[in-house]
Amino acid sequence: QPSGRTYNLTFNKPKVEGKDDITGEPLTQREDDKPEVWTER
């Protein structure tokens, strides 16, 4: 969130699961990126 860096668990995974590569801070998923939201969209 602070830097805007984006990861993808399929083709651009973070080095440590759930952590930003640079700061080690936690990664989050946007509410509107949830599967049920996108399926409806």
PDB file of all heavy atoms in Angstrom:
ATOM      1  N   GLN A   1       0.801  -1.221   0.000  1.00  0.00           N
ATOM      2  CA  GLN A   1       0.000   0.000   0.000  1.00  0.00           C
ATOM      3  C   GLN A   1       0.841   1.282   0.000  1.00  0.00           C
ATOM      4  O   GLN A   1       0.592   2.189  -0.801  1.00  0.00           O
ATOM      5  CB  GLN A   1      -0.960  -0.010   1.199  1.00  0.00           C
ATOM      6  CG  GLN A   1      -2.059   1.038   1.118  1.00  0.00           C
ATOM      7  CD  GLN A   1      -3.088   0.691   0.061  1.00  0.00           C
ATOM      8  OE1 GLN A   1      -3.509  -0.447  -0.059  1.00  0.00           O
ATOM      9  NE2 GLN A   1      -3.507   1.669  -0.727  1.00  0.00           N
ATOM     10  N   PRO A   2       1.871   1.420   0.858  1.00  0.00           N
ATOM     11  CA  PRO A   2       2.601   2.696   0.898  1.00  0.00           C
ATOM     12  C   PRO A   2       3.321   3.050  -0.400  1.00  0.00           C
ATOM     13  O   PRO A   2       3.387   4.213  -0.793  1.00  0.00           O
ATOM     14  CB  PRO A   2       3.617   2.484   2.042  1.00  0.00           C
ATOM     15  CG  PRO A   2       3.011   1.421   2.890  1.00  0.00           C
ATOM     16  CD  PRO A   2       2.307   0.515   1.939  1.00  0.00           C
ATOM     17  N   SER A   3       3.859   2.041  -1.107  1.00  0.00           N
ATOM     18  CA  SER A   3       4.655   2.319  -2.312  1.00  0.00           C
ATOM     19  C   SER A   3       3.888   2.103  -3.602  1.00  0.00           C
ATOM     20  O   SER A   3       4.257   2.631  -4.648  1.00  0.00           O
ATOM     21  CB  SER A   3       5.891   1.415  -2.333  1.00  0.00           C
ATOM     22  OG  SER A   3       5.513   0.057  -2.548  1.00  0.00           O
ATOM     23  N   GLY A   4       2.817   1.291  -3.539  1.00  0.00           N
ATOM     24  CA  GLY A   4       2.080   0.956  -4.758  1.00  0.00           C
ATOM     25  C   GLY A   4       2.669  -0.231  -5.499  1.00  0.00           C
ATOM     26  O   GLY A   4       2.169  -0.600  -6.575  1.00  0.00           O
ATOM     27  N   ARG A   5       3.749  -0.838  -4.990  1.00  0.00           N
ATOM     28  CA  ARG A   5       4.329  -2.002  -5.667  1.00  0.00           C
ATOM     29  C   ARG A   5       3.303  -3.136  -5.728  1.00  0.00           C
ATOM     30  O   ARG A   5       2.603  -3.416  -4.755  1.00  0.00           O
ATOM     31  CB  ARG A   5       5.598  -2.481  -4.947  1.00  0.00           C
ATOM     32  CG  ARG A   5       6.836  -1.664  -5.293  1.00  0.00           C
ATOM     33  CD  ARG A   5       8.088  -2.267  -4.658  1.00  0.00           C
ATOM     34  NE  ARG A   5       8.116  -2.073  -3.218  1.00  0.00           N
ATOM     35  CZ  ARG A   5       8.565  -0.965  -2.618  1.00  0.00           C
ATOM     36  NH1 ARG A   5       9.004   0.054  -3.352  1.00  0.00           N
ATOM     37  NH2 ARG A   5       8.568  -0.868  -1.299  1.00  0.00           N
ATOM     38  N   THR A   6       3.243  -3.772  -6.903  1.00  0.00           N
ATOM     39  CA  THR A   6       2.230  -4.798  -7.141  1.00  0.00           C
ATOM     40  C   THR A   6       2.892  -6.156  -7.355  1.00  0.00           C
ATOM     41  O   THR A   6       3.904  -6.273  -8.051  1.00  0.00           O
ATOM     42  CB  THR A   6       1.385  -4.440  -8.378  1.00  0.00           C
ATOM     43  OG1 THR A   6       0.777  -3.156  -8.169  1.00  0.00           O
ATOM     44  CG2 THR A   6       0.283  -5.467  -8.602  1.00  0.00           C
ATOM     45  N   TYR A   7       2.293  -7.177  -6.785  1.00  0.00           N
ATOM     46  CA  TYR A   7       2.773  -8.552  -6.940  1.00  0.00           C
ATOM     47  C   TYR A   7       1.613  -9.418  -7.447  1.00  0.00           C
ATOM     48  O   TYR A   7       0.443  -9.071  -7.296  1.00  0.00           O
ATOM     49  CB  TYR A   7       3.270  -9.105  -5.597  1.00  0.00           C
ATOM     50  CG  TYR A   7       4.415  -8.320  -5.007  1.00  0.00           C
ATOM     51  CD1 TYR A   7       4.179  -7.192  -4.221  1.00  0.00           C
ATOM     52  CD2 TYR A   7       5.733  -8.705  -5.238  1.00  0.00           C
ATOM     53  CE1 TYR A   7       5.227  -6.467  -3.675  1.00  0.00           C
ATOM     54  CE2 TYR A   7       6.795  -7.983  -4.698  1.00  0.00           C
ATOM     55  CZ  TYR A   7       6.540  -6.866  -3.920  1.00  0.00           C
ATOM     56  OH  TYR A   7       7.578  -6.147  -3.390  1.00  0.00           O
ATOM     57  N   ASN A   8       1.993 -10.541  -8.061  1.00  0.00           N
ATOM     58  CA  ASN A   8       0.983 -11.504  -8.467  1.00  0.00           C
ATOM     59  C   ASN A   8       1.458 -12.891  -8.072  1.00  0.00           C
ATOM     60  O   ASN A   8       2.603 -13.277  -8.368  1.00  0.00           O
ATOM     61  CB  ASN A   8       0.742 -11.437  -9.982  1.00  0.00           C
ATOM     62  CG  ASN A   8      -0.465 -12.254 -10.392  1.00  0.00           C
ATOM     63  OD1 ASN A   8      -0.414 -13.477 -10.400  1.00  0.00           O
ATOM     64  ND2 ASN A   8      -1.556 -11.584 -10.737  1.00  0.00           N
ATOM     65  N   LEU A   9       0.595 -13.635  -7.408  1.00  0.00           N
ATOM     66  CA  LEU A   9       0.990 -14.943  -6.880  1.00  0.00           C
ATOM     67  C   LEU A   9       1.225 -15.959  -7.976  1.00  0.00           C
ATOM     68  O   LEU A   9       1.803 -17.029  -7.730  1.00  0.00           O
ATOM     69  CB  LEU A   9      -0.080 -15.462  -5.911  1.00  0.00           C
ATOM     70  CG  LEU A   9      -0.374 -14.565  -4.699  1.00  0.00           C
ATOM     71  CD1 LEU A   9      -1.337 -15.255  -3.748  1.00  0.00           C
ATOM     72  CD2 LEU A   9       0.915 -14.176  -3.978  1.00  0.00           C
ATOM     73  N   THR A  10       0.817 -15.640  -9.220  1.00  0.00           N
ATOM     74  CA  THR A  10       1.014 -16.562 -10.336  1.00  0.00           C
ATOM     75  C   THR A  10       2.331 -16.309 -11.058  1.00  0.00           C
ATOM     76  O   THR A  10       3.096 -17.227 -11.323  1.00  0.00           O
ATOM     77  CB  THR A  10      -0.156 -16.458 -11.334  1.00  0.00           C
ATOM     78  OG1 THR A  10      -1.375 -16.734 -10.660  1.00  0.00           O
ATOM     79  CG2 THR A  10       0.013 -17.445 -12.486  1.00  0.00           C
ATOM     80  N   PHE A  11       2.595 -15.026 -11.394  1.00  0.00           N
ATOM     81  CA  PHE A  11       3.778 -14.769 -12.234  1.00  0.00           C
ATOM     82  C   PHE A  11       4.746 -13.737 -11.662  1.00  0.00           C
ATOM     83  O   PHE A  11       5.786 -13.480 -12.259  1.00  0.00           O
ATOM     84  CB  PHE A  11       3.338 -14.334 -13.644  1.00  0.00           C
ATOM     85  CG  PHE A  11       2.431 -13.143 -13.678  1.00  0.00           C
ATOM     86  CD1 PHE A  11       2.933 -11.856 -13.591  1.00  0.00           C
ATOM     87  CD2 PHE A  11       1.061 -13.312 -13.787  1.00  0.00           C
ATOM     88  CE1 PHE A  11       2.094 -10.758 -13.611  1.00  0.00           C
ATOM     89  CE2 PHE A  11       0.212 -12.214 -13.817  1.00  0.00           C
ATOM     90  CZ  PHE A  11       0.732 -10.938 -13.731  1.00  0.00           C
ATOM     91  N   ASN A  12       4.447 -13.148 -10.521  1.00  0.00           N
ATOM     92  CA  ASN A  12       5.356 -12.154  -9.945  1.00  0.00           C
ATOM     93  C   ASN A  12       5.266 -12.237  -8.418  1.00  0.00           C
ATOM     94  O   ASN A  12       4.895 -11.285  -7.749  1.00  0.00           O
ATOM     95  CB  ASN A  12       4.995 -10.746 -10.447  1.00  0.00           C
ATOM     96  CG  ASN A  12       5.929  -9.683  -9.916  1.00  0.00           C
ATOM     97  OD1 ASN A  12       7.126  -9.934  -9.724  1.00  0.00           O
ATOM     98  ND2 ASN A  12       5.403  -8.494  -9.659  1.00  0.00           N
ATOM     99  N   LYS A  13       5.638 -13.394  -7.886  1.00  0.00           N
ATOM    100  CA  LYS A  13       5.482 -13.633  -6.451  1.00  0.00           C
ATOM    101  C   LYS A  13       6.485 -12.804  -5.646  1.00  0.00           C
ATOM    102  O   LYS A  13       7.611 -12.560  -6.101  1.00  0.00           O
ATOM    103  CB  LYS A  13       5.717 -15.112  -6.141  1.00  0.00           C
ATOM    104  CG  LYS A  13       4.672 -16.054  -6.700  1.00  0.00           C
ATOM    105  CD  LYS A  13       4.993 -17.480  -6.290  1.00  0.00           C
ATOM    106  CE  LYS A  13       3.950 -18.458  -6.830  1.00  0.00           C
ATOM    107  NZ  LYS A  13       4.254 -19.857  -6.431  1.00  0.00           N
ATOM    108  N   PRO A  14       6.094 -12.401  -4.432  1.00  0.00           N
ATOM    109  CA  PRO A  14       7.080 -11.774  -3.543  1.00  0.00           C
ATOM    110  C   PRO A  14       8.090 -12.826  -3.084  1.00  0.00           C
ATOM    111  O   PRO A  14       7.795 -14.025  -3.072  1.00  0.00           O
ATOM    112  CB  PRO A  14       6.222 -11.263  -2.382  1.00  0.00           C
ATOM    113  CG  PRO A  14       5.020 -12.145  -2.380  1.00  0.00           C
ATOM    114  CD  PRO A  14       4.752 -12.497  -3.817  1.00  0.00           C
ATOM    115  N   LYS A  15       9.283 -12.362  -2.706  1.00  0.00           N
ATOM    116  CA  LYS A  15      10.318 -13.308  -2.272  1.00  0.00           C
ATOM    117  C   LYS A  15       9.884 -14.050  -1.017  1.00  0.00           C
ATOM    118  O   LYS A  15      10.167 -15.238  -0.839  1.00  0.00           O
ATOM    119  CB  LYS A  15      11.623 -12.554  -2.016  1.00  0.00           C
ATOM    120  CG  LYS A  15      12.229 -11.957  -3.288  1.00  0.00           C
ATOM    121  CD  LYS A  15      13.433 -11.080  -2.971  1.00  0.00           C
ATOM    122  CE  LYS A  15      13.972 -10.410  -4.235  1.00  0.00           C
ATOM    123  NZ  LYS A  15      15.086  -9.465  -3.929  1.00  0.00           N
ATOM    124  N   VAL A  16       9.209 -13.319  -0.139  1.00  0.00           N
ATOM    125  CA  VAL A  16       8.653 -13.932   1.076  1.00  0.00           C
ATOM    126  C   VAL A  16       7.141 -13.778   1.012  1.00  0.00           C
ATOM    127  O   VAL A  16       6.627 -12.675   0.799  1.00  0.00           O
ATOM    128  CB  VAL A  16       9.199 -13.248   2.350  1.00  0.00           C
ATOM    129  CG1 VAL A  16       8.547 -13.846   3.595  1.00  0.00           C
ATOM    130  CG2 VAL A  16      10.716 -13.369   2.400  1.00  0.00           C
ATOM    131  N   GLU A  17       6.439 -14.879   1.181  1.00  0.00           N
ATOM    132  CA  GLU A  17       4.977 -14.851   1.038  1.00  0.00           C
ATOM    133  C   GLU A  17       4.345 -13.787   1.931  1.00  0.00           C
ATOM    134  O   GLU A  17       4.607 -13.724   3.139  1.00  0.00           O
ATOM    135  CB  GLU A  17       4.394 -16.220   1.387  1.00  0.00           C
ATOM    136  CG  GLU A  17       2.889 -16.307   1.161  1.00  0.00           C
ATOM    137  CD  GLU A  17       2.340 -17.692   1.448  1.00  0.00           C
ATOM    138  OE1 GLU A  17       3.146 -18.627   1.623  1.00  0.00           O
ATOM    139  OE2 GLU A  17       1.110 -17.836   1.496  1.00  0.00           O
ATOM    140  N   GLY A  18       3.542 -12.925   1.304  1.00  0.00           N
ATOM    141  CA  GLY A  18       2.804 -11.921   2.048  1.00  0.00           C
ATOM    142  C   GLY A  18       3.600 -10.700   2.454  1.00  0.00           C
ATOM    143  O   GLY A  18       3.083  -9.842   3.169  1.00  0.00           O
ATOM    144  N   LYS A  19       4.889 -10.606   2.003  1.00  0.00           N
ATOM    145  CA  LYS A  19       5.739  -9.488   2.414  1.00  0.00           C
ATOM    146  C   LYS A  19       6.284  -8.737   1.198  1.00  0.00           C
ATOM    147  O   LYS A  19       6.625  -9.344   0.184  1.00  0.00           O
ATOM    148  CB  LYS A  19       6.920  -9.983   3.259  1.00  0.00           C
ATOM    149  CG  LYS A  19       6.529 -10.772   4.500  1.00  0.00           C
ATOM    150  CD  LYS A  19       5.872  -9.902   5.555  1.00  0.00           C
ATOM    151  CE  LYS A  19       5.598 -10.687   6.832  1.00  0.00           C
ATOM    152  NZ  LYS A  19       4.920  -9.863   7.856  1.00  0.00           N
ATOM    153  N   ASP A  20       6.399  -7.427   1.346  1.00  0.00           N
ATOM    154  CA  ASP A  20       7.008  -6.599   0.302  1.00  0.00           C
ATOM    155  C   ASP A  20       8.496  -6.908   0.194  1.00  0.00           C
ATOM    156  O   ASP A  20       9.190  -7.038   1.214  1.00  0.00           O
ATOM    157  CB  ASP A  20       6.795  -5.119   0.630  1.00  0.00           C
ATOM    158  CG  ASP A  20       7.481  -4.199  -0.358  1.00  0.00           C
ATOM    159  OD1 ASP A  20       7.275  -4.377  -1.575  1.00  0.00           O
ATOM    160  OD2 ASP A  20       8.229  -3.309   0.085  1.00  0.00           O
ATOM    161  N   ASP A  21       8.999  -7.024  -1.037  1.00  0.00           N
ATOM    162  CA  ASP A  21      10.409  -7.374  -1.250  1.00  0.00           C
ATOM    163  C   ASP A  21      11.362  -6.334  -0.676  1.00  0.00           C
ATOM    164  O   ASP A  21      12.460  -6.675  -0.216  1.00  0.00           O
ATOM    165  CB  ASP A  21      10.704  -7.521  -2.753  1.00  0.00           C
ATOM    166  CG  ASP A  21      10.110  -8.797  -3.338  1.00  0.00           C
ATOM    167  OD1 ASP A  21       9.610  -9.637  -2.564  1.00  0.00           O
ATOM    168  OD2 ASP A  21      10.135  -8.943  -4.576  1.00  0.00           O
ATOM    169  N   ILE A  22      10.987  -5.067  -0.713  1.00  0.00           N
ATOM    170  CA  ILE A  22      11.898  -3.998  -0.313  1.00  0.00           C
ATOM    171  C   ILE A  22      11.851  -3.741   1.189  1.00  0.00           C
ATOM    172  O   ILE A  22      12.890  -3.671   1.862  1.00  0.00           O
ATOM    173  CB  ILE A  22      11.592  -2.692  -1.069  1.00  0.00           C
ATOM    174  CG1 ILE A  22      11.567  -2.935  -2.581  1.00  0.00           C
ATOM    175  CG2 ILE A  22      12.595  -1.599  -0.711  1.00  0.00           C
ATOM    176  CD1 ILE A  22      12.866  -3.432  -3.160  1.00  0.00           C
ATOM    177  N   THR A  23      10.670  -3.610   1.731  1.00  0.00           N
ATOM    178  CA  THR A  23      10.532  -3.191   3.141  1.00  0.00           C
ATOM    179  C   THR A  23      10.208  -4.329   4.089  1.00  0.00           C
ATOM    180  O   THR A  23      10.366  -4.190   5.307  1.00  0.00           O
ATOM    181  CB  THR A  23       9.411  -2.139   3.270  1.00  0.00           C
ATOM    182  OG1 THR A  23       8.153  -2.772   2.945  1.00  0.00           O
ATOM    183  CG2 THR A  23       9.647  -0.964   2.336  1.00  0.00           C
ATOM    184  N   GLY A  24       9.723  -5.455   3.551  1.00  0.00           N
ATOM    185  CA  GLY A  24       9.293  -6.554   4.407  1.00  0.00           C
ATOM    186  C   GLY A  24       7.945  -6.313   5.056  1.00  0.00           C
ATOM    187  O   GLY A  24       7.477  -7.115   5.867  1.00  0.00           O
ATOM    188  N   GLU A  25       7.298  -5.188   4.688  1.00  0.00           N
ATOM    189  CA  GLU A  25       5.983  -4.877   5.255  1.00  0.00           C
ATOM    190  C   GLU A  25       4.910  -5.758   4.612  1.00  0.00           C
ATOM    191  O   GLU A  25       5.088  -6.279   3.498  1.00  0.00           O
ATOM    192  CB  GLU A  25       5.676  -3.392   5.052  1.00  0.00           C
ATOM    193  CG  GLU A  25       6.598  -2.473   5.837  1.00  0.00           C
ATOM    194  CD  GLU A  25       6.439  -1.001   5.471  1.00  0.00           C
ATOM    195  OE1 GLU A  25       5.833  -0.713   4.416  1.00  0.00           O
ATOM    196  OE2 GLU A  25       6.909  -0.156   6.246  1.00  0.00           O
ATOM    197  N   PRO A  26       3.780  -5.922   5.290  1.00  0.00           N
ATOM    198  CA  PRO A  26       2.742  -6.823   4.778  1.00  0.00           C
ATOM    199  C   PRO A  26       2.100  -6.314   3.492  1.00  0.00           C
ATOM    200  O   PRO A  26       1.960  -5.110   3.275  1.00  0.00           O
ATOM    201  CB  PRO A  26       1.723  -6.880   5.920  1.00  0.00           C
ATOM    202  CG  PRO A  26       1.968  -5.656   6.726  1.00  0.00           C
ATOM    203  CD  PRO A  26       3.433  -5.359   6.598  1.00  0.00           C
ATOM    204  N   LEU A  27       1.728  -7.269   2.637  1.00  0.00           N
ATOM    205  CA  LEU A  27       0.987  -6.975   1.410  1.00  0.00           C
ATOM    206  C   LEU A  27      -0.500  -7.139   1.688  1.00  0.00           C
ATOM    207  O   LEU A  27      -0.907  -7.914   2.561  1.00  0.00           O
ATOM    208  CB  LEU A  27       1.412  -7.929   0.288  1.00  0.00           C
ATOM    209  CG  LEU A  27       2.898  -7.941  -0.072  1.00  0.00           C
ATOM    210  CD1 LEU A  27       3.170  -8.995  -1.141  1.00  0.00           C
ATOM    211  CD2 LEU A  27       3.351  -6.562  -0.537  1.00  0.00           C
ATOM    212  N   THR A  28      -1.297  -6.410   0.946  1.00  0.00           N
ATOM    213  CA  THR A  28      -2.750  -6.496   1.116  1.00  0.00           C
ATOM    214  C   THR A  28      -3.413  -6.683  -0.244  1.00  0.00           C
ATOM    215  O   THR A  28      -2.829  -6.380  -1.292  1.00  0.00           O
ATOM    216  CB  THR A  28      -3.314  -5.223   1.766  1.00  0.00           C
ATOM    217  OG1 THR A  28      -2.966  -4.083   0.956  1.00  0.00           O
ATOM    218  CG2 THR A  28      -2.756  -5.029   3.167  1.00  0.00           C
ATOM    219  N   GLN A  29      -4.629  -7.172  -0.196  1.00  0.00           N
ATOM    220  CA  GLN A  29      -5.439  -7.293  -1.404  1.00  0.00           C
ATOM    221  C   GLN A  29      -6.574  -6.289  -1.340  1.00  0.00           C
ATOM    222  O   GLN A  29      -7.240  -6.161  -0.320  1.00  0.00           O
ATOM    223  CB  GLN A  29      -6.017  -8.702  -1.542  1.00  0.00           C
ATOM    224  CG  GLN A  29      -6.740  -8.925  -2.865  1.00  0.00           C
ATOM    225  CD  GLN A  29      -7.275 -10.350  -2.995  1.00  0.00           C
ATOM    226  OE1 GLN A  29      -7.852 -10.880  -2.046  1.00  0.00           O
ATOM    227  NE2 GLN A  29      -7.087 -10.952  -4.156  1.00  0.00           N
ATOM    228  N   ARG A  30      -6.746  -5.546  -2.425  1.00  0.00           N
ATOM    229  CA  ARG A  30      -7.838  -4.570  -2.460  1.00  0.00           C
ATOM    230  C   ARG A  30      -9.173  -5.289  -2.356  1.00  0.00           C
ATOM    231  O   ARG A  30      -9.343  -6.386  -2.888  1.00  0.00           O
ATOM    232  CB  ARG A  30      -7.778  -3.778  -3.762  1.00  0.00           C
ATOM    233  CG  ARG A  30      -6.620  -2.822  -3.845  1.00  0.00           C
ATOM    234  CD  ARG A  30      -6.421  -2.259  -5.247  1.00  0.00           C
ATOM    235  NE  ARG A  30      -7.678  -1.893  -5.885  1.00  0.00           N
ATOM    236  CZ  ARG A  30      -7.749  -1.338  -7.105  1.00  0.00           C
ATOM    237  NH1 ARG A  30      -6.649  -1.100  -7.797  1.00  0.00           N
ATOM    238  NH2 ARG A  30      -8.909  -1.026  -7.622  1.00  0.00           N
ATOM    239  N   GLU A  31     -10.116  -4.638  -1.687  1.00  0.00           N
ATOM    240  CA  GLU A  31     -11.441  -5.237  -1.524  1.00  0.00           C
ATOM    241  C   GLU A  31     -12.080  -5.557  -2.877  1.00  0.00           C
ATOM    242  O   GLU A  31     -12.747  -6.572  -3.029  1.00  0.00           O
ATOM    243  CB  GLU A  31     -12.353  -4.299  -0.722  1.00  0.00           C
ATOM    244  CG  GLU A  31     -12.126  -4.332   0.778  1.00  0.00           C
ATOM    245  CD  GLU A  31     -12.374  -5.710   1.367  1.00  0.00           C
ATOM    246  OE1 GLU A  31     -13.388  -6.342   1.005  1.00  0.00           O
ATOM    247  OE2 GLU A  31     -11.550  -6.153   2.179  1.00  0.00           O
ATOM    248  N   ASP A  32     -11.855  -4.655  -3.867  1.00  0.00           N
ATOM    249  CA  ASP A  32     -12.501  -4.882  -5.164  1.00  0.00           C
ATOM    250  C   ASP A  32     -11.703  -5.833  -6.056  1.00  0.00           C
ATOM    251  O   ASP A  32     -12.033  -6.026  -7.221  1.00  0.00           O
ATOM    252  CB  ASP A  32     -12.763  -3.560  -5.899  1.00  0.00           C
ATOM    253  CG  ASP A  32     -11.517  -2.718  -6.057  1.00  0.00           C
ATOM    254  OD1 ASP A  32     -10.433  -3.166  -5.636  1.00  0.00           O
ATOM    255  OD2 ASP A  32     -11.628  -1.609  -6.619  1.00  0.00           O
ATOM    256  N   ASP A  33     -10.638  -6.445  -5.525  1.00  0.00           N
ATOM    257  CA  ASP A  33      -9.918  -7.491  -6.256  1.00  0.00           C
ATOM    258  C   ASP A  33     -10.327  -8.891  -5.792  1.00  0.00           C
ATOM    259  O   ASP A  33      -9.743  -9.878  -6.239  1.00  0.00           O
ATOM    260  CB  ASP A  33      -8.395  -7.337  -6.064  1.00  0.00           C
ATOM    261  CG  ASP A  33      -7.810  -6.287  -6.998  1.00  0.00           C
ATOM    262  OD1 ASP A  33      -8.531  -5.788  -7.867  1.00  0.00           O
ATOM    263  OD2 ASP A  33      -6.612  -5.953  -6.835  1.00  0.00           O
ATOM    264  N   LYS A  34     -11.320  -8.971  -4.928  1.00  0.00           N
ATOM    265  CA  LYS A  34     -11.780 -10.275  -4.452  1.00  0.00           C
ATOM    266  C   LYS A  34     -12.496 -11.029  -5.591  1.00  0.00           C
ATOM    267  O   LYS A  34     -13.180 -10.411  -6.414  1.00  0.00           O
ATOM    268  CB  LYS A  34     -12.734 -10.105  -3.263  1.00  0.00           C
ATOM    269  CG  LYS A  34     -12.093  -9.415  -2.046  1.00  0.00           C
ATOM    270  CD  LYS A  34     -11.043 -10.307  -1.398  1.00  0.00           C
ATOM    271  CE  LYS A  34     -10.338  -9.596  -0.241  1.00  0.00           C
ATOM    272  NZ  LYS A  34     -11.215  -9.314   0.880  1.00  0.00           N
ATOM    273  N   PRO A  35     -12.365 -12.362  -5.653  1.00  0.00           N
ATOM    274  CA  PRO A  35     -12.952 -13.146  -6.752  1.00  0.00           C
ATOM    275  C   PRO A  35     -14.439 -12.901  -6.953  1.00  0.00           C
ATOM    276  O   PRO A  35     -14.908 -12.785  -8.091  1.00  0.00           O
ATOM    277  CB  PRO A  35     -12.681 -14.599  -6.336  1.00  0.00           C
ATOM    278  CG  PRO A  35     -11.487 -14.518  -5.451  1.00  0.00           C
ATOM    279  CD  PRO A  35     -11.595 -13.211  -4.718  1.00  0.00           C
ATOM    280  N   GLU A  36     -15.190 -12.821  -5.850  1.00  0.00           N
ATOM    281  CA  GLU A  36     -16.640 -12.653  -6.002  1.00  0.00           C
ATOM    282  C   GLU A  36     -16.990 -11.299  -6.621  1.00  0.00           C
ATOM    283  O   GLU A  36     -17.966 -11.177  -7.378  1.00  0.00           O
ATOM    284  CB  GLU A  36     -17.357 -12.827  -4.650  1.00  0.00           C
ATOM    285  CG  GLU A  36     -16.897 -11.883  -3.539  1.00  0.00           C
ATOM    286  CD  GLU A  36     -15.707 -12.387  -2.751  1.00  0.00           C
ATOM    287  OE1 GLU A  36     -14.997 -13.289  -3.242  1.00  0.00           O
ATOM    288  OE2 GLU A  36     -15.496 -11.865  -1.631  1.00  0.00           O
ATOM    289  N   VAL A  37     -16.195 -10.277  -6.320  1.00  0.00           N
ATOM    290  CA  VAL A  37     -16.438  -8.948  -6.892  1.00  0.00           C
ATOM    291  C   VAL A  37     -16.187  -8.975  -8.390  1.00  0.00           C
ATOM    292  O   VAL A  37     -16.981  -8.470  -9.191  1.00  0.00           O
ATOM    293  CB  VAL A  37     -15.536  -7.894  -6.208  1.00  0.00           C
ATOM    294  CG1 VAL A  37     -15.684  -6.537  -6.902  1.00  0.00           C
ATOM    295  CG2 VAL A  37     -15.888  -7.773  -4.739  1.00  0.00           C
ATOM    296  N   TRP A  38     -15.058  -9.587  -8.786  1.00  0.00           N
ATOM    297  CA  TRP A  38     -14.706  -9.612 -10.206  1.00  0.00           C
ATOM    298  C   TRP A  38     -15.610 -10.540 -11.010  1.00  0.00           C
ATOM    299  O   TRP A  38     -15.927 -10.260 -12.171  1.00  0.00           O
ATOM    300  CB  TRP A  38     -13.236  -9.984 -10.365  1.00  0.00           C
ATOM    301  CG  TRP A  38     -12.413  -8.739 -10.348  1.00  0.00           C
ATOM    302  CD1 TRP A  38     -11.938  -8.073  -9.260  1.00  0.00           C
ATOM    303  CD2 TRP A  38     -12.025  -7.968 -11.484  1.00  0.00           C
ATOM    304  NE1 TRP A  38     -11.275  -6.942  -9.640  1.00  0.00           N
ATOM    305  CE2 TRP A  38     -11.299  -6.849 -10.995  1.00  0.00           C
ATOM    306  CE3 TRP A  38     -12.213  -8.114 -12.845  1.00  0.00           C
ATOM    307  CZ2 TRP A  38     -10.771  -5.880 -11.846  1.00  0.00           C
ATOM    308  CZ3 TRP A  38     -11.680  -7.157 -13.708  1.00  0.00           C
ATOM    309  CH2 TRP A  38     -10.961  -6.054 -13.200  1.00  0.00           C
ATOM    310  N   THR A  39     -16.038 -11.618 -10.429  1.00  0.00           N
ATOM    311  CA  THR A  39     -16.966 -12.512 -11.134  1.00  0.00           C
ATOM    312  C   THR A  39     -18.240 -11.762 -11.497  1.00  0.00           C
ATOM    313  O   THR A  39     -18.758 -11.876 -12.615  1.00  0.00           O
ATOM    314  CB  THR A  39     -17.295 -13.741 -10.262  1.00  0.00           C
ATOM    315  OG1 THR A  39     -16.090 -14.470  -9.999  1.00  0.00           O
ATOM    316  CG2 THR A  39     -18.289 -14.657 -10.955  1.00  0.00           C
ATOM    317  N   GLU A  40     -18.735 -10.961 -10.557  1.00  0.00           N
ATOM    318  CA  GLU A  40     -19.940 -10.180 -10.811  1.00  0.00           C
ATOM    319  C   GLU A  40     -19.681  -9.091 -11.843  1.00  0.00           C
ATOM    320  O   GLU A  40     -20.517  -8.838 -12.727  1.00  0.00           O
ATOM    321  CB  GLU A  40     -20.440  -9.572  -9.503  1.00  0.00           C
ATOM    322  CG  GLU A  40     -21.698  -8.707  -9.640  1.00  0.00           C
ATOM    323  CD  GLU A  40     -22.884  -9.458 -10.210  1.00  0.00           C
ATOM    324  OE1 GLU A  40     -22.972 -10.690 -10.018  1.00  0.00           O
ATOM    325  OE2 GLU A  40     -23.720  -8.808 -10.870  1.00  0.00           O
ATOM    326  N   ARG A  41     -18.533  -8.419 -11.772  1.00  0.00           N
ATOM    327  CA  ARG A  41     -18.194  -7.371 -12.746  1.00  0.00           C
ATOM    328  C   ARG A  41     -18.132  -7.938 -14.154  1.00  0.00           C
ATOM    329  O   ARG A  41     -18.629  -7.332 -15.114  1.00  0.00           O
ATOM    330  CB  ARG A  41     -16.830  -6.745 -12.404  1.00  0.00           C
ATOM    331  CG  ARG A  41     -16.841  -5.774 -11.257  1.00  0.00           C
ATOM    332  CD  ARG A  41     -15.504  -5.061 -11.143  1.00  0.00           C
ATOM    333  NE  ARG A  41     -15.291  -4.127 -12.247  1.00  0.00           N
ATOM    334  CZ  ARG A  41     -14.173  -3.446 -12.437  1.00  0.00           C
ATOM    335  NH1 ARG A  41     -13.146  -3.601 -11.595  1.00  0.00           N
ATOM    336  NH2 ARG A  41     -14.058  -2.629 -13.450  1.00  0.00           N
TER     337      ARG A  41
END
